[in-house]
Amino acid sequence: TRRRLGIAPNSLVLVVVANLIVYKGHRDLLLALSRIQEELPKSWVCLCVGRNDGIGDQLRLQAAELGVERHLRWLGSRPDVPELLLASDIGILCSHQEGFSNAVIECMAAGLPMIVTDVGGNPEAVVDGVTGVVVPPKSPEKLASAMLALSNDASLRREMGLRGRKRVEECF
């Protein structure tokens, strides 16, 4: 999957599976990425998977203004989400509001450590500090801090991902 997408094998791959809707928090994600882009591994990529529900052009413009556009892949709706998750290192859902997210459970089932906002069912699915990191919504600085911590610690990502997969198998 990485080869097919033109992503180097050693790249850090972040993935967000969420339609491009204001309340899904993509703007916060872009702000967070812009704050830490120099501290991330040189060849990082963020896969944005989801249907454009009207803000795609605005997000692309914001990404360009923040200088992170070359690292982003706007993939739209995809039939190969499970393969994309397996090709990723960290899952993110930074919604301002949420129910109980299937995307979070699917990412955890794929063995990804999760960074989620403390809304809806996210803190029920993701155990903070165990299977991922739970941050306040609308807080790009906390989101950036969580992304940086996981990005720079492969063993922590692996441990959280394994615990997350186990949690999905046992609870969901």
Foldseek 3Di string as FASTA:
>chain_A
DCVVVVADLPEAEEEEADAQDVQQQLLLVLVLCLVCVVVFPVRYAYEYEEAHPDCVVVSCVSNVVSVNNVRYDDDYHDPPVLVVLLSHQAYEGQGLEDAQDPVLLSSLLSLFQYEYEPYHCVCVLHPDPQLHHYHHHPDSNVVNVRCSVSSVDSVSRNRSSVRSSVSSVVPD
